[in-house]
Amino acid sequence: MSAADDPDHLDLLAEQVDALLSEAEDVDLAAPVAACPGWDVGALLEHVGSTYRWAAAMVRSGTTTRARWRDVVPAPGPDPRTWLRESADDVLGALRASDPQAPAWTFGPEPTAGFWRRRLLHETAVHAADVALSAGRTPSTPAAVARDGVAEHLLVVPLNPGVVARTAEAPPAAPVHLLVEELDRPPVPDDTVPDGPAPDGGSGGRWLVRWDADGSTVVGTGAGAAEAPVDVVVRGRAVDLLLALWRRGDDVVVEGDADAWRRWSAAHAL
């Protein structure tokens, strides 16, 4: 069973929606969002709600055609919190009613509705962290969710059309090997298959990424991630790795070619 088909992603998405709504409950909607220049919390909530509506339309379409945003996303209502809550109900309803294997447009390896369970889980978790940080609070992202979010960013985000175009414009002159390693990661067997961890631990929080002119690819996970030369190592707690990958923080330890890490991170930003 692939990560996109794992029903736990849907349950975790519902939990992160609740977490985002809880974080936003008492925050000043005019508070700036540091990670999104020009946005305040209200605009962020409108964006997340609109993303939910867009994804719900594609899940319901039963086709692999990308929906045009303006055709399926109505204008947000006057209250961003209400808009977010109603939009979350819309997408959760669409995902619960859908077969994870049903056709849907995605930028992942498989054009199926199940992709959106995982993608929206981590979209929501990162933006819940944004709201927490805007309120001066520490993000409360569960370690298992953060770990899976790191895997998704390393395995799936490189397939995003915008990331593909950006990396094609300025590929590395020579292949770069990046080791991303979670501190206090759970133990796993040596022969873990690099297809991304499930929310219960999966690859054990260790990924070897090769970045070359053809794109960025995970080539090893778990104990098998140490089988090639490494140019740069990035270590931290799962939540700190997730925030660093999303350019929300730098509370990680970088060893080796720090410039390679900065270039990889900039090229793979969403």
C-alpha atoms as a PDB file:
ATOM      1  CA  MET A   1       0.000   0.000   0.000  1.00  0.00           C
ATOM      2  CA  SER A   2       1.479   3.327  -1.028  1.00  0.00           C
ATOM      3  CA  ALA A   3       1.510   6.360   1.238  1.00  0.00           C
ATOM      4  CA  ALA A   4      -1.175   8.048  -0.864  1.00  0.00           C
ATOM      5  CA  ASP A   5      -3.543   5.149  -0.179  1.00  0.00           C
ATOM      6  CA  ASP A   6      -2.979   5.017   3.561  1.00  0.00           C
ATOM      7  CA  PRO A   7      -6.328   5.840   5.239  1.00  0.00           C
ATOM      8  CA  ASP A   8      -4.456   7.252   8.243  1.00  0.00           C
ATOM      9  CA  HIS A   9      -3.562  10.292   6.168  1.00  0.00           C
ATOM     10  CA  LEU A  10      -7.232  11.249   6.021  1.00  0.00           C
ATOM     11  CA  ASP A  11      -7.642  10.921   9.787  1.00  0.00           C
ATOM     12  CA  LEU A  12      -4.457  12.916  10.327  1.00  0.00           C
ATOM     13  CA  LEU A  13      -5.666  15.590   7.907  1.00  0.00           C
ATOM     14  CA  ALA A  14      -8.871  15.985   9.925  1.00  0.00           C
ATOM     15  CA  GLU A  15      -6.767  16.345  13.087  1.00  0.00           C
ATOM     16  CA  GLN A  16      -4.533  18.978  11.505  1.00  0.00           C
ATOM     17  CA  VAL A  17      -7.562  20.908  10.254  1.00  0.00           C
ATOM     18  CA  ASP A  18      -8.745  21.032  13.863  1.00  0.00           C
ATOM     19  CA  ALA A  19      -5.254  22.102  14.941  1.00  0.00           C
ATOM     20  CA  LEU A  20      -5.195  24.919  12.372  1.00  0.00           C
ATOM     21  CA  LEU A  21      -8.645  26.131  13.409  1.00  0.00           C
ATOM     22  CA  SER A  22      -7.574  26.010  17.047  1.00  0.00           C
ATOM     23  CA  GLU A  23      -4.379  27.966  16.352  1.00  0.00           C
ATOM     24  CA  ALA A  24      -6.392  30.584  14.445  1.00  0.00           C
ATOM     25  CA  GLU A  25      -9.148  30.937  17.018  1.00  0.00           C
ATOM     26  CA  ASP A  26      -7.604  33.721  19.090  1.00  0.00           C
ATOM     27  CA  VAL A  27      -5.006  35.132  16.676  1.00  0.00           C
ATOM     28  CA  ASP A  28      -5.245  38.652  15.293  1.00  0.00           C
ATOM     29  CA  LEU A  29      -6.224  38.117  11.650  1.00  0.00           C
ATOM     30  CA  ALA A  30      -4.131  41.159  10.734  1.00  0.00           C
ATOM     31  CA  ALA A  31      -0.967  39.649  12.237  1.00  0.00           C
ATOM     32  CA  PRO A  32       1.733  39.239   9.558  1.00  0.00           C
ATOM     33  CA  VAL A  33       2.880  35.774   8.485  1.00  0.00           C
ATOM     34  CA  ALA A  34       6.665  35.869   8.389  1.00  0.00           C
ATOM     35  CA  ALA A  35       7.025  32.953   5.962  1.00  0.00           C
ATOM     36  CA  CYS A  36       4.588  34.490   3.463  1.00  0.00           C
ATOM     37  CA  PRO A  37       5.612  38.117   2.807  1.00  0.00           C
ATOM     38  CA  GLY A  38       2.621  40.343   2.223  1.00  0.00           C
ATOM     39  CA  TRP A  39       0.178  37.974   3.901  1.00  0.00           C
ATOM     40  CA  ASP A  40      -1.546  38.319   7.228  1.00  0.00           C
ATOM     41  CA  VAL A  41      -3.228  35.457   9.085  1.00  0.00           C
ATOM     42  CA  GLY A  42      -6.563  36.234   7.458  1.00  0.00           C
ATOM     43  CA  ALA A  43      -5.069  35.945   3.978  1.00  0.00           C
ATOM     44  CA  LEU A  44      -3.366  32.691   4.924  1.00  0.00           C
ATOM     45  CA  LEU A  45      -6.655  31.175   6.124  1.00  0.00           C
ATOM     46  CA  GLU A  46      -8.331  32.286   2.892  1.00  0.00           C
ATOM     47  CA  HIS A  47      -5.526  30.663   0.888  1.00  0.00           C
ATOM     48  CA  VAL A  48      -5.787  27.357   2.732  1.00  0.00           C
ATOM     49  CA  GLY A  49      -9.568  27.336   2.365  1.00  0.00           C
ATOM     50  CA  SER A  50      -9.301  28.072  -1.351  1.00  0.00           C
ATOM     51  CA  THR A  51      -6.745  25.281  -1.761  1.00  0.00           C
ATOM     52  CA  TYR A  52      -9.195  22.908  -0.091  1.00  0.00           C
ATOM     53  CA  ARG A  53     -11.950  23.932  -2.542  1.00  0.00           C
ATOM     54  CA  TRP A  54      -9.622  23.471  -5.520  1.00  0.00           C
ATOM     55  CA  ALA A  55      -8.509  20.033  -4.386  1.00  0.00           C
ATOM     56  CA  ALA A  56     -12.085  18.979  -3.619  1.00  0.00           C
ATOM     57  CA  ALA A  57     -13.147  19.898  -7.152  1.00  0.00           C
ATOM     58  CA  MET A  58     -10.418  17.734  -8.666  1.00  0.00           C
ATOM     59  CA  VAL A  59     -11.198  14.800  -6.383  1.00  0.00           C
ATOM     60  CA  ARG A  60     -14.875  14.979  -7.345  1.00  0.00           C
ATOM     61  CA  SER A  61     -14.174  15.377 -11.067  1.00  0.00           C
ATOM     62  CA  GLY A  62     -13.107  11.768 -11.571  1.00  0.00           C
ATOM     63  CA  THR A  63     -10.633  12.902 -14.250  1.00  0.00           C
ATOM     64  CA  THR A  64      -6.918  13.681 -14.385  1.00  0.00           C
ATOM     65  CA  THR A  65      -7.521  17.159 -15.803  1.00  0.00           C
ATOM     66  CA  ARG A  66      -6.165  19.992 -13.697  1.00  0.00           C
ATOM     67  CA  ALA A  67      -8.996  22.268 -12.576  1.00  0.00           C
ATOM     68  CA  ARG A  68      -8.630  25.958 -13.247  1.00  0.00           C
ATOM     69  CA  TRP A  69      -8.616  27.772  -9.930  1.00  0.00           C
ATOM     70  CA  ARG A  70     -10.948  30.541 -11.059  1.00  0.00           C
ATOM     71  CA  ASP A  71     -13.489  28.042 -12.353  1.00  0.00           C
ATOM     72  CA  VAL A  72     -13.909  26.051  -9.133  1.00  0.00           C
ATOM     73  CA  VAL A  73     -12.968  28.335  -6.243  1.00  0.00           C
ATOM     74  CA  PRO A  74     -15.550  30.958  -5.256  1.00  0.00           C
ATOM     75  CA  ALA A  75     -14.550  34.204  -3.593  1.00  0.00           C
ATOM     76  CA  PRO A  76     -13.878  33.727   0.136  1.00  0.00           C
ATOM     77  CA  GLY A  77     -16.543  34.941   2.517  1.00  0.00           C
ATOM     78  CA  PRO A  78     -16.070  37.892   4.867  1.00  0.00           C
ATOM     79  CA  ASP A  79     -14.878  35.757   7.808  1.00  0.00           C
ATOM     80  CA  PRO A  80     -11.661  33.840   7.046  1.00  0.00           C
ATOM     81  CA  ARG A  81     -12.238  31.421   9.918  1.00  0.00           C
ATOM     82  CA  THR A  82     -15.702  30.501   8.671  1.00  0.00           C
ATOM     83  CA  TRP A  83     -14.380  30.186   5.123  1.00  0.00           C
ATOM     84  CA  LEU A  84     -11.658  27.833   6.290  1.00  0.00           C
ATOM     85  CA  ARG A  85     -14.055  25.703   8.348  1.00  0.00           C
ATOM     86  CA  GLU A  86     -16.589  25.373   5.526  1.00  0.00           C
ATOM     87  CA  SER A  87     -13.867  24.662   2.971  1.00  0.00           C
ATOM     88  CA  ALA A  88     -12.379  21.977   5.214  1.00  0.00           C
ATOM     89  CA  ASP A  89     -15.790  20.337   5.512  1.00  0.00           C
ATOM     90  CA  ASP A  90     -16.025  20.408   1.713  1.00  0.00           C
ATOM     91  CA  VAL A  91     -12.690  18.721   1.025  1.00  0.00           C
ATOM     92  CA  LEU A  92     -12.959  16.214   3.872  1.00  0.00           C
ATOM     93  CA  GLY A  93     -16.376  15.232   2.570  1.00  0.00           C
ATOM     94  CA  ALA A  94     -14.993  14.819  -0.952  1.00  0.00           C
ATOM     95  CA  LEU A  95     -12.039  12.737   0.236  1.00  0.00           C
ATOM     96  CA  ARG A  96     -14.152  10.509   2.484  1.00  0.00           C
ATOM     97  CA  ALA A  97     -16.560   9.839  -0.357  1.00  0.00           C
ATOM     98  CA  SER A  98     -13.823   9.078  -2.889  1.00  0.00           C
ATOM     99  CA  ASP A  99     -11.957   5.884  -3.715  1.00  0.00           C
ATOM    100  CA  PRO A 100      -8.250   6.642  -3.100  1.00  0.00           C
ATOM    101  CA  GLN A 101      -7.508   4.944  -6.438  1.00  0.00           C
ATOM    102  CA  ALA A 102     -10.021   7.078  -8.373  1.00  0.00           C
ATOM    103  CA  PRO A 103      -8.526   9.331 -11.085  1.00  0.00           C
ATOM    104  CA  ALA A 104      -7.584  12.872 -10.075  1.00  0.00           C
ATOM    105  CA  TRP A 105      -5.055  15.428 -11.218  1.00  0.00           C
ATOM    106  CA  THR A 106      -1.925  15.494  -9.086  1.00  0.00           C
ATOM    107  CA  PHE A 107       1.730  16.368  -9.445  1.00  0.00           C
ATOM    108  CA  GLY A 108       2.658  13.108  -7.758  1.00  0.00           C
ATOM    109  CA  PRO A 109       3.753   9.817  -9.288  1.00  0.00           C
ATOM    110  CA  GLU A 110       0.168   8.546  -9.492  1.00  0.00           C
ATOM    111  CA  PRO A 111      -2.858  10.611 -10.653  1.00  0.00           C
ATOM    112  CA  THR A 112      -5.221   9.369  -7.955  1.00  0.00           C
ATOM    113  CA  ALA A 113      -7.465  10.990  -5.359  1.00  0.00           C
ATOM    114  CA  GLY A 114      -5.465   9.447  -2.528  1.00  0.00           C
ATOM    115  CA  PHE A 115      -2.606  11.846  -3.289  1.00  0.00           C
ATOM    116  CA  TRP A 116      -4.627  14.733  -1.883  1.00  0.00           C
ATOM    117  CA  ARG A 117      -5.016  13.098   1.526  1.00  0.00           C
ATOM    118  CA  ARG A 118      -1.295  13.318   2.121  1.00  0.00           C
ATOM    119  CA  ARG A 119      -0.657  16.580   0.246  1.00  0.00           C
ATOM    120  CA  LEU A 120      -3.335  18.481   2.156  1.00  0.00           C
ATOM    121  CA  LEU A 121      -2.228  16.955   5.460  1.00  0.00           C
ATOM    122  CA  HIS A 122       1.160  18.599   5.139  1.00  0.00           C
ATOM    123  CA  GLU A 123      -0.140  21.803   3.567  1.00  0.00           C
ATOM    124  CA  THR A 124      -2.351  22.132   6.634  1.00  0.00           C
ATOM    125  CA  ALA A 125       0.327  21.163   9.160  1.00  0.00           C
ATOM    126  CA  VAL A 126       2.794  23.720   7.815  1.00  0.00           C
ATOM    127  CA  HIS A 127       0.225  26.509   7.759  1.00  0.00           C
ATOM    128  CA  ALA A 128      -0.898  25.607  11.294  1.00  0.00           C
ATOM    129  CA  ALA A 129       2.744  26.133  12.249  1.00  0.00           C
ATOM    130  CA  ASP A 130       2.676  29.477  10.404  1.00  0.00           C
ATOM    131  CA  VAL A 131      -0.278  30.645  12.487  1.00  0.00           C
ATOM    132  CA  ALA A 132       1.339  29.449  15.709  1.00  0.00           C
ATOM    133  CA  LEU A 133       4.545  31.305  14.878  1.00  0.00           C
ATOM    134  CA  SER A 134       2.561  34.438  13.985  1.00  0.00           C
ATOM    135  CA  ALA A 135       1.051  34.310  17.482  1.00  0.00           C
ATOM    136  CA  GLY A 136       4.452  33.810  19.107  1.00  0.00           C
ATOM    137  CA  ARG A 137       3.760  30.180  19.955  1.00  0.00           C
ATOM    138  CA  THR A 138       5.801  27.043  19.315  1.00  0.00           C
ATOM    139  CA  PRO A 139       4.280  24.820  16.589  1.00  0.00           C
ATOM    140  CA  SER A 140       2.707  21.666  18.000  1.00  0.00           C
ATOM    141  CA  THR A 141       3.113  19.462  14.919  1.00  0.00           C
ATOM    142  CA  PRO A 142       3.217  15.789  16.003  1.00  0.00           C
ATOM    143  CA  ALA A 143       6.562  14.134  15.290  1.00  0.00           C
ATOM    144  CA  ALA A 144       4.995  11.385  13.155  1.00  0.00           C
ATOM    145  CA  VAL A 145       3.195  13.945  10.988  1.00  0.00           C
ATOM    146  CA  ALA A 146       6.348  16.034  10.651  1.00  0.00           C
ATOM    147  CA  ARG A 147       8.398  12.953   9.726  1.00  0.00           C
ATOM    148  CA  ASP A 148       5.944  12.030   6.996  1.00  0.00           C
ATOM    149  CA  GLY A 149       5.946  15.662   5.862  1.00  0.00           C
ATOM    150  CA  VAL A 150       9.724  15.579   5.466  1.00  0.00           C
ATOM    151  CA  ALA A 151       9.415  12.417   3.370  1.00  0.00           C
ATOM    152  CA  GLU A 152       6.698  13.969   1.214  1.00  0.00           C
ATOM    153  CA  HIS A 153       8.801  17.066   0.644  1.00  0.00           C
ATOM    154  CA  LEU A 154      11.808  15.013  -0.403  1.00  0.00           C
ATOM    155  CA  LEU A 155       9.926  12.435  -2.483  1.00  0.00           C
ATOM    156  CA  VAL A 156       6.971  14.277  -3.995  1.00  0.00           C
ATOM    157  CA  VAL A 157       7.647  18.017  -4.034  1.00  0.00           C
ATOM    158  CA  PRO A 158      10.463  17.623  -6.632  1.00  0.00           C
ATOM    159  CA  LEU A 159       7.695  16.543  -9.049  1.00  0.00           C
ATOM    160  CA  ASN A 160       5.767  19.805  -8.652  1.00  0.00           C
ATOM    161  CA  PRO A 161       5.742  21.603 -12.038  1.00  0.00           C
ATOM    162  CA  GLY A 162       7.000  24.843 -10.513  1.00  0.00           C
ATOM    163  CA  VAL A 163       9.880  23.078  -8.789  1.00  0.00           C
ATOM    164  CA  VAL A 164      10.729  21.158 -11.965  1.00  0.00           C
ATOM    165  CA  ALA A 165      10.901  24.420 -13.932  1.00  0.00           C
ATOM    166  CA  ARG A 166      12.974  26.157 -11.271  1.00  0.00           C
ATOM    167  CA  THR A 167      15.528  23.376 -10.980  1.00  0.00           C
ATOM    168  CA  ALA A 168      15.772  23.104 -14.772  1.00  0.00           C
ATOM    169  CA  GLU A 169      16.741  26.773 -14.959  1.00  0.00           C
ATOM    170  CA  ALA A 170      19.688  26.354 -12.596  1.00  0.00           C
ATOM    171  CA  PRO A 171      20.678  22.704 -12.170  1.00  0.00           C
ATOM    172  CA  PRO A 172      23.773  21.892 -10.106  1.00  0.00           C
ATOM    173  CA  ALA A 173      27.033  21.754 -12.013  1.00  0.00           C
ATOM    174  CA  ALA A 174      27.719  18.321 -10.530  1.00  0.00           C
ATOM    175  CA  PRO A 175      25.510  15.878  -8.619  1.00  0.00           C
ATOM    176  CA  VAL A 176      24.941  16.834  -4.990  1.00  0.00           C
ATOM    177  CA  HIS A 177      24.206  14.250  -2.285  1.00  0.00           C
ATOM    178  CA  LEU A 178      22.176  15.554   0.624  1.00  0.00           C
ATOM    179  CA  LEU A 179      21.562  13.478   3.771  1.00  0.00           C
ATOM    180  CA  VAL A 180      18.532  14.558   5.802  1.00  0.00           C
ATOM    181  CA  GLU A 181      18.551  12.912   9.202  1.00  0.00           C
ATOM    182  CA  GLU A 182      16.055  13.140  12.023  1.00  0.00           C
ATOM    183  CA  LEU A 183      17.477  13.204  15.522  1.00  0.00           C
ATOM    184  CA  ASP A 184      16.041  10.504  17.809  1.00  0.00           C
ATOM    185  CA  ARG A 185      14.555   8.742  14.798  1.00  0.00           C
ATOM    186  CA  PRO A 186      12.759   5.401  15.265  1.00  0.00           C
ATOM    187  CA  PRO A 187      14.697   2.233  14.365  1.00  0.00           C
ATOM    188  CA  VAL A 188      13.915   0.451  11.083  1.00  0.00           C
ATOM    189  CA  PRO A 189      15.350  -2.500   9.114  1.00  0.00           C
ATOM    190  CA  ASP A 190      18.362  -1.945   6.869  1.00  0.00           C
ATOM    191  CA  ASP A 191      16.454  -2.778   3.682  1.00  0.00           C
ATOM    192  CA  THR A 192      13.760  -0.096   3.845  1.00  0.00           C
ATOM    193  CA  VAL A 193      12.292   0.639   0.416  1.00  0.00           C
ATOM    194  CA  PRO A 194      12.587   4.365  -0.433  1.00  0.00           C
ATOM    195  CA  ASP A 195       8.935   5.057  -1.189  1.00  0.00           C
ATOM    196  CA  GLY A 196       8.226   7.310   1.764  1.00  0.00           C
ATOM    197  CA  PRO A 197       7.227   6.510   5.325  1.00  0.00           C
ATOM    198  CA  ALA A 198       3.772   5.897   6.669  1.00  0.00           C
ATOM    199  CA  PRO A 199       2.707   8.091   9.601  1.00  0.00           C
ATOM    200  CA  ASP A 200       3.873   5.468  12.131  1.00  0.00           C
ATOM    201  CA  GLY A 201       7.553   5.899  11.315  1.00  0.00           C
ATOM    202  CA  GLY A 202       8.305   4.270   7.989  1.00  0.00           C
ATOM    203  CA  SER A 203      11.787   5.096   6.799  1.00  0.00           C
ATOM    204  CA  GLY A 204      13.001   5.979  10.265  1.00  0.00           C
ATOM    205  CA  GLY A 205      13.693   9.614   9.520  1.00  0.00           C
ATOM    206  CA  ARG A 206      16.782   9.247   7.327  1.00  0.00           C
ATOM    207  CA  TRP A 207      16.874  10.103   3.610  1.00  0.00           C
ATOM    208  CA  LEU A 208      19.681  10.367   1.062  1.00  0.00           C
ATOM    209  CA  VAL A 209      18.826  12.723  -1.789  1.00  0.00           C
ATOM    210  CA  ARG A 210      20.716  13.001  -5.074  1.00  0.00           C
ATOM    211  CA  TRP A 211      20.306  16.312  -6.906  1.00  0.00           C
ATOM    212  CA  ASP A 212      21.561  16.538 -10.474  1.00  0.00           C
ATOM    213  CA  ALA A 213      20.539  18.030 -13.811  1.00  0.00           C
ATOM    214  CA  ASP A 214      17.664  15.551 -14.102  1.00  0.00           C
ATOM    215  CA  GLY A 215      16.085  16.614 -10.836  1.00  0.00           C
ATOM    216  CA  SER A 216      16.095  15.639  -7.181  1.00  0.00           C
ATOM    217  CA  THR A 217      15.605  11.979  -6.227  1.00  0.00           C
ATOM    218  CA  VAL A 218      15.628  10.057  -2.964  1.00  0.00           C
ATOM    219  CA  VAL A 219      18.057   7.188  -3.471  1.00  0.00           C
ATOM    220  CA  GLY A 220      18.173   5.688   0.015  1.00  0.00           C
ATOM    221  CA  THR A 221      16.265   5.682   3.288  1.00  0.00           C
ATOM    222  CA  GLY A 222      16.767   4.357   6.775  1.00  0.00           C
ATOM    223  CA  ALA A 223      20.095   2.617   7.323  1.00  0.00           C
ATOM    224  CA  GLY A 224      20.527   2.383   3.549  1.00  0.00           C
ATOM    225  CA  ALA A 225      20.900   6.152   3.307  1.00  0.00           C
ATOM    226  CA  ALA A 226      24.613   6.002   4.044  1.00  0.00           C
ATOM    227  CA  GLU A 227      25.675   4.038   0.975  1.00  0.00           C
ATOM    228  CA  ALA A 228      26.963   6.975  -1.109  1.00  0.00           C
ATOM    229  CA  PRO A 229      29.290   9.940  -0.567  1.00  0.00           C
ATOM    230  CA  VAL A 230      27.511  12.833   1.126  1.00  0.00           C
ATOM    231  CA  ASP A 231      28.151  16.510   0.381  1.00  0.00           C
ATOM    232  CA  VAL A 232      25.949  17.984   3.090  1.00  0.00           C
ATOM    233  CA  VAL A 233      24.110  16.607   6.125  1.00  0.00           C
ATOM    234  CA  VAL A 234      21.080  18.321   7.654  1.00  0.00           C
ATOM    235  CA  ARG A 235      20.027  17.080  11.097  1.00  0.00           C
ATOM    236  CA  GLY A 236      17.260  18.061  13.479  1.00  0.00           C
ATOM    237  CA  ARG A 237      14.021  17.072  15.128  1.00  0.00           C
ATOM    238  CA  ALA A 238      11.326  16.042  12.675  1.00  0.00           C
ATOM    239  CA  VAL A 239       9.343  19.263  13.108  1.00  0.00           C
ATOM    240  CA  ASP A 240      12.467  21.405  12.701  1.00  0.00           C
ATOM    241  CA  LEU A 241      13.449  19.525   9.529  1.00  0.00           C
ATOM    242  CA  LEU A 242       9.950  20.032   8.140  1.00  0.00           C
ATOM    243  CA  LEU A 243      10.001  23.766   8.872  1.00  0.00           C
ATOM    244  CA  ALA A 244      13.506  24.110   7.427  1.00  0.00           C
ATOM    245  CA  LEU A 245      12.493  22.324   4.216  1.00  0.00           C
ATOM    246  CA  TRP A 246       9.535  24.694   3.919  1.00  0.00           C
ATOM    247  CA  ARG A 247      11.857  27.654   4.657  1.00  0.00           C
ATOM    248  CA  ARG A 248      10.067  28.385   7.937  1.00  0.00           C
ATOM    249  CA  GLY A 249      13.084  28.083  10.215  1.00  0.00           C
ATOM    250  CA  ASP A 250      16.728  27.176  10.511  1.00  0.00           C
ATOM    251  CA  ASP A 251      16.813  25.284  13.795  1.00  0.00           C
ATOM    252  CA  VAL A 252      18.765  22.445  12.194  1.00  0.00           C
ATOM    253  CA  VAL A 253      22.431  21.480  12.124  1.00  0.00           C
ATOM    254  CA  VAL A 254      24.079  21.694   8.707  1.00  0.00           C
ATOM    255  CA  GLU A 255      27.395  19.925   8.192  1.00  0.00           C
ATOM    256  CA  GLY A 256      29.411  20.047   4.978  1.00  0.00           C
ATOM    257  CA  ASP A 257      28.536  22.153   1.939  1.00  0.00           C
ATOM    258  CA  ALA A 258      26.095  24.654   3.441  1.00  0.00           C
ATOM    259  CA  ASP A 259      25.848  26.505   0.117  1.00  0.00           C
ATOM    260  CA  ALA A 260      24.600  23.321  -1.574  1.00  0.00           C
ATOM    261  CA  TRP A 261      21.915  23.036   1.108  1.00  0.00           C
ATOM    262  CA  ARG A 262      20.832  26.655   0.550  1.00  0.00           C
ATOM    263  CA  ARG A 263      20.658  26.161  -3.214  1.00  0.00           C
ATOM    264  CA  TRP A 264      18.710  22.901  -2.908  1.00  0.00           C
ATOM    265  CA  SER A 265      16.321  24.435  -0.389  1.00  0.00           C
ATOM    266  CA  ALA A 266      15.655  27.492  -2.561  1.00  0.00           C
ATOM    267  CA  ALA A 267      15.079  25.387  -5.671  1.00  0.00           C
ATOM    268  CA  HIS A 268      12.608  23.090  -3.887  1.00  0.00           C
ATOM    269  CA  ALA A 269      10.550  25.682  -2.037  1.00  0.00           C
ATOM    270  CA  LEU A 270       6.773  25.624  -2.415  1.00  0.00           C
END
